[in-house]
Every structure is written in structure tokens, then in C-alpha cells.
Protein backbone atom coordinates (compact mmCIF):
# COMPACT_ATOMS: atom_id res chain seq x y z
CA MET A 1 -69.33 -175.40 -22.70
CA ALA A 2 -71.14 -178.32 -22.76
CA ILE A 3 -68.10 -180.48 -21.05
CA GLU A 4 -69.19 -177.91 -18.13
CA LYS A 5 -72.43 -179.19 -18.00
CA VAL A 6 -71.77 -182.28 -18.14
CA ARG A 7 -69.27 -181.96 -14.91
CA GLU A 8 -71.61 -180.07 -13.20
CA TYR A 9 -74.17 -183.07 -13.64
CA PHE A 10 -71.50 -185.32 -12.54
CA SER A 11 -70.55 -183.58 -9.52
CA GLN A 12 -74.13 -184.13 -7.91
CA SER A 13 -73.14 -187.21 -7.55
CA GLY A 14 -69.00 -187.39 -6.57
CA LEU A 15 -68.13 -188.65 -10.33
CA ALA A 16 -66.82 -185.36 -11.84
CA ASP A 17 -63.41 -186.24 -11.29
CA ARG A 18 -63.63 -189.37 -13.72
CA ILE A 19 -63.85 -187.07 -16.50
CA LEU A 20 -60.96 -187.45 -18.49
CA GLU A 21 -59.86 -184.43 -20.62
CA PHE A 22 -56.69 -185.30 -23.37
CA ASP A 23 -54.64 -182.68 -25.29
CA VAL A 24 -55.62 -184.60 -28.55
CA SER A 25 -59.39 -185.14 -29.91
CA SER A 26 -61.48 -188.07 -28.94
CA GLU A 27 -64.47 -186.89 -31.20
CA THR A 28 -64.35 -190.46 -32.92
CA VAL A 29 -64.59 -193.97 -31.96
CA GLU A 30 -60.84 -194.18 -33.13
CA LEU A 31 -59.54 -191.22 -31.61
CA ALA A 32 -60.89 -191.87 -28.68
CA ALA A 33 -59.99 -195.40 -28.17
CA GLN A 34 -56.40 -194.04 -29.52
CA ALA A 35 -56.53 -191.48 -26.36
CA ILE A 36 -57.68 -193.88 -23.86
CA GLY A 37 -56.04 -197.03 -24.81
CA CYS A 38 -58.49 -199.30 -24.88
CA GLU A 39 -60.15 -201.24 -27.35
CA GLU A 40 -62.99 -199.26 -30.14
CA LYS A 41 -65.77 -201.66 -29.18
CA GLN A 42 -65.36 -200.12 -25.47
CA ILE A 43 -66.12 -196.82 -26.53
CA ALA A 44 -70.06 -196.14 -26.11
CA LYS A 45 -70.94 -193.97 -28.80
CA SER A 46 -74.15 -191.58 -28.46
CA MET A 47 -76.33 -191.34 -32.06
CA SER A 48 -78.64 -188.66 -32.35
CA PHE A 49 -81.88 -189.35 -34.04
CA LEU A 50 -85.42 -187.64 -34.91
CA LEU A 51 -88.12 -190.07 -33.99
CA HIS A 52 -91.92 -188.72 -34.90
CA ASP A 53 -90.20 -185.36 -34.45
CA GLN A 54 -88.47 -185.82 -31.20
CA ALA A 55 -84.87 -186.12 -30.15
CA ILE A 56 -83.58 -188.87 -29.04
CA LEU A 57 -80.26 -190.98 -28.33
CA VAL A 58 -79.10 -194.45 -28.66
CA VAL A 59 -76.26 -195.12 -26.91
CA THR A 60 -74.15 -198.09 -28.77
CA SER A 61 -70.64 -200.04 -28.90
CA GLY A 62 -68.08 -198.50 -30.80
CA ASP A 63 -68.22 -201.73 -33.04
CA ALA A 64 -71.86 -201.41 -33.51
CA ARG A 65 -73.89 -200.03 -36.63
CA ILE A 66 -77.25 -199.60 -36.46
CA SER A 67 -79.35 -202.34 -38.29
CA ASN A 68 -82.30 -200.11 -40.04
CA PRO A 69 -84.31 -203.36 -40.09
CA LYS A 70 -83.83 -203.78 -35.97
CA PHE A 71 -84.25 -199.83 -35.77
CA LYS A 72 -87.49 -200.36 -37.84
CA GLU A 73 -89.02 -202.84 -35.52
CA GLN A 74 -88.16 -201.21 -32.36
CA PHE A 75 -89.53 -197.84 -33.28
CA GLN A 76 -92.05 -198.27 -36.02
CA THR A 77 -90.08 -195.89 -38.22
CA LYS A 78 -87.01 -195.73 -40.05
CA ALA A 79 -83.84 -194.88 -38.41
CA LYS A 80 -83.42 -191.16 -39.54
CA MET A 81 -80.51 -189.35 -38.13
CA ILE A 82 -80.23 -185.77 -36.88
CA HIS A 83 -78.06 -183.31 -39.10
CA PRO A 84 -75.06 -182.50 -37.47
CA ASP A 85 -76.13 -178.78 -37.83
CA GLN A 86 -79.06 -179.36 -35.34
CA VAL A 87 -77.22 -181.63 -32.97
CA GLU A 88 -76.52 -179.33 -30.69
CA ASN A 89 -79.84 -177.54 -30.81
CA LEU A 90 -81.92 -180.64 -30.05
CA ILE A 91 -79.20 -182.94 -27.78
CA GLY A 92 -77.61 -180.18 -25.71
CA HIS A 93 -74.20 -181.26 -27.18
CA ASP A 94 -72.15 -180.28 -30.04
CA VAL A 95 -71.36 -183.61 -32.71
CA GLY A 96 -67.53 -185.47 -30.94
CA GLY A 97 -68.93 -184.81 -27.54
CA VAL A 98 -72.23 -186.05 -27.78
CA CYS A 99 -73.70 -187.96 -24.51
CA PRO A 100 -76.23 -189.16 -22.73
CA PHE A 101 -75.24 -187.00 -19.53
CA GLY A 102 -76.46 -183.29 -19.29
CA ILE A 103 -78.81 -183.02 -22.21
CA HIS A 104 -82.43 -181.57 -22.67
CA GLU A 105 -84.69 -183.05 -20.34
CA ASP A 106 -87.15 -184.18 -23.62
CA VAL A 107 -84.07 -186.15 -25.23
CA ALA A 108 -84.98 -189.98 -24.15
CA VAL A 109 -81.73 -192.44 -23.85
CA TYR A 110 -81.86 -195.80 -25.40
CA LEU A 111 -78.99 -198.38 -24.57
CA ASP A 112 -78.06 -200.92 -27.13
CA ILE A 113 -76.86 -204.47 -25.73
CA SER A 114 -74.18 -204.20 -27.76
CA LEU A 115 -72.41 -202.61 -24.59
CA LYS A 116 -73.60 -205.75 -22.83
CA ARG A 117 -69.91 -207.47 -23.01
CA PHE A 118 -67.97 -204.96 -21.05
CA ASP A 119 -67.86 -204.27 -17.38
CA THR A 120 -66.90 -200.48 -18.22
CA VAL A 121 -67.47 -198.54 -21.09
CA PHE A 122 -66.39 -195.17 -21.97
CA PRO A 123 -68.63 -192.44 -23.18
CA ALA A 124 -67.95 -189.11 -24.26
CA ALA A 125 -67.93 -186.19 -21.48
CA GLY A 126 -69.45 -182.99 -23.75
CA SER A 127 -66.78 -181.96 -25.59
CA SER A 128 -64.74 -183.44 -28.55
CA ASN A 129 -61.66 -184.26 -26.24
CA SER A 130 -63.38 -186.01 -22.91
CA VAL A 131 -64.55 -189.20 -21.77
CA ILE A 132 -65.71 -190.45 -18.72
CA GLU A 133 -65.61 -194.52 -17.72
CA LEU A 134 -68.51 -195.92 -16.34
CA SER A 135 -70.15 -199.29 -15.20
CA LEU A 136 -73.19 -200.27 -16.99
CA ASP A 137 -74.94 -200.24 -14.10
CA GLU A 138 -73.58 -196.66 -13.70
CA LEU A 139 -74.49 -195.82 -17.33
CA GLU A 140 -77.59 -197.05 -17.27
CA GLN A 141 -78.35 -194.91 -13.84
CA TYR A 142 -76.62 -191.82 -14.99
CA SER A 143 -77.97 -191.49 -18.90
CA GLY A 144 -81.60 -191.87 -17.49
CA ALA A 145 -81.93 -194.76 -19.87
CA THR A 146 -85.79 -195.31 -21.24
CA ALA A 147 -84.54 -199.07 -22.14
CA TRP A 148 -82.16 -201.37 -23.00
CA ILE A 149 -82.80 -201.98 -27.04
CA ASP A 150 -81.07 -204.06 -29.63
CA VAL A 151 -80.94 -202.11 -32.44
CA CYS A 152 -77.36 -202.67 -33.97
CA LYS A 153 -75.36 -205.06 -36.09
CA ASP A 154 -72.14 -206.32 -36.86
CA TRP A 155 -70.60 -206.33 -33.35
CA GLU A 156 -71.38 -210.19 -32.48
């Protein structure tokens, strides 16, 4: 199970005990915010894209949406989301639990600047009923982020 991969990943840095598991689903931004008791915009949602036949993750704020013009300017190609049936195979986590931790090594992670409004955010932790609270510095460090980018709209 993917949450075990994430738990193992964070146990190496002593953060595994910060993973929160719920009796209810947290697989969408709305459900995660309800389970945690925070605002939807504090959820760090991980979106899966194919970039020149390579899987990438773009982690955005829960209230942000991908801007196709900004994405194309950043990556020189149109945004193409990975089909839900292929996410687990290409990323390492199933839809609803996708996060930038414990993923396949060849998946590049990008963090959108929409997250920079917060001291802490809540990305999923590998399952559809788990999250972990991280500071932005921790998110950047533990996600192995390639870069901070600006590819979202509707959050400002």
C-alpha cells in the first residue's frame, strides 16, 4: 500500500508520526479540508501530467487551477494530465493519495507559487484518507522539488 511507502519514506527523517489517517475520505481537496478542519486552499494537491512522455507532479494550492497559457510558457507544451488509470503505474500512488513522497525516482516534482501564502500545507500521504502537515521548507526538501513555478490561476 502506498501509505506504507510514504510512512517508510518519512520514518528516515523522523516525521512518520506526523502522518494523519482519517476514518473518512480525504481524496479530494474538499474532503481533505473537512477531515483536517482547515481551509481548502491549504491543501497541497498533487496533479499528474505527462511532459514529453515523462511523468511529472505539480503541487498546487487547493484553490488554484492550472492555467494552460502559464503551463505552456513554463514547459513549452500543452498541459496533458495523466489518465487516472495510469497514475499509479507512472507516479507510484493511486488517484486520491497522490503526493510527492515515495514516488518513482524518475518523476520530477514542481511546486507552484500558490502555496507560498501559507506557513504550513497539507499534502496527501499516499492514500485516500491520509495527509501530512509540512512547512513550505519541509515540503520543498522532502518532495525533492525541481523548482518553484507559476502555472496556476484563480488563487490570487
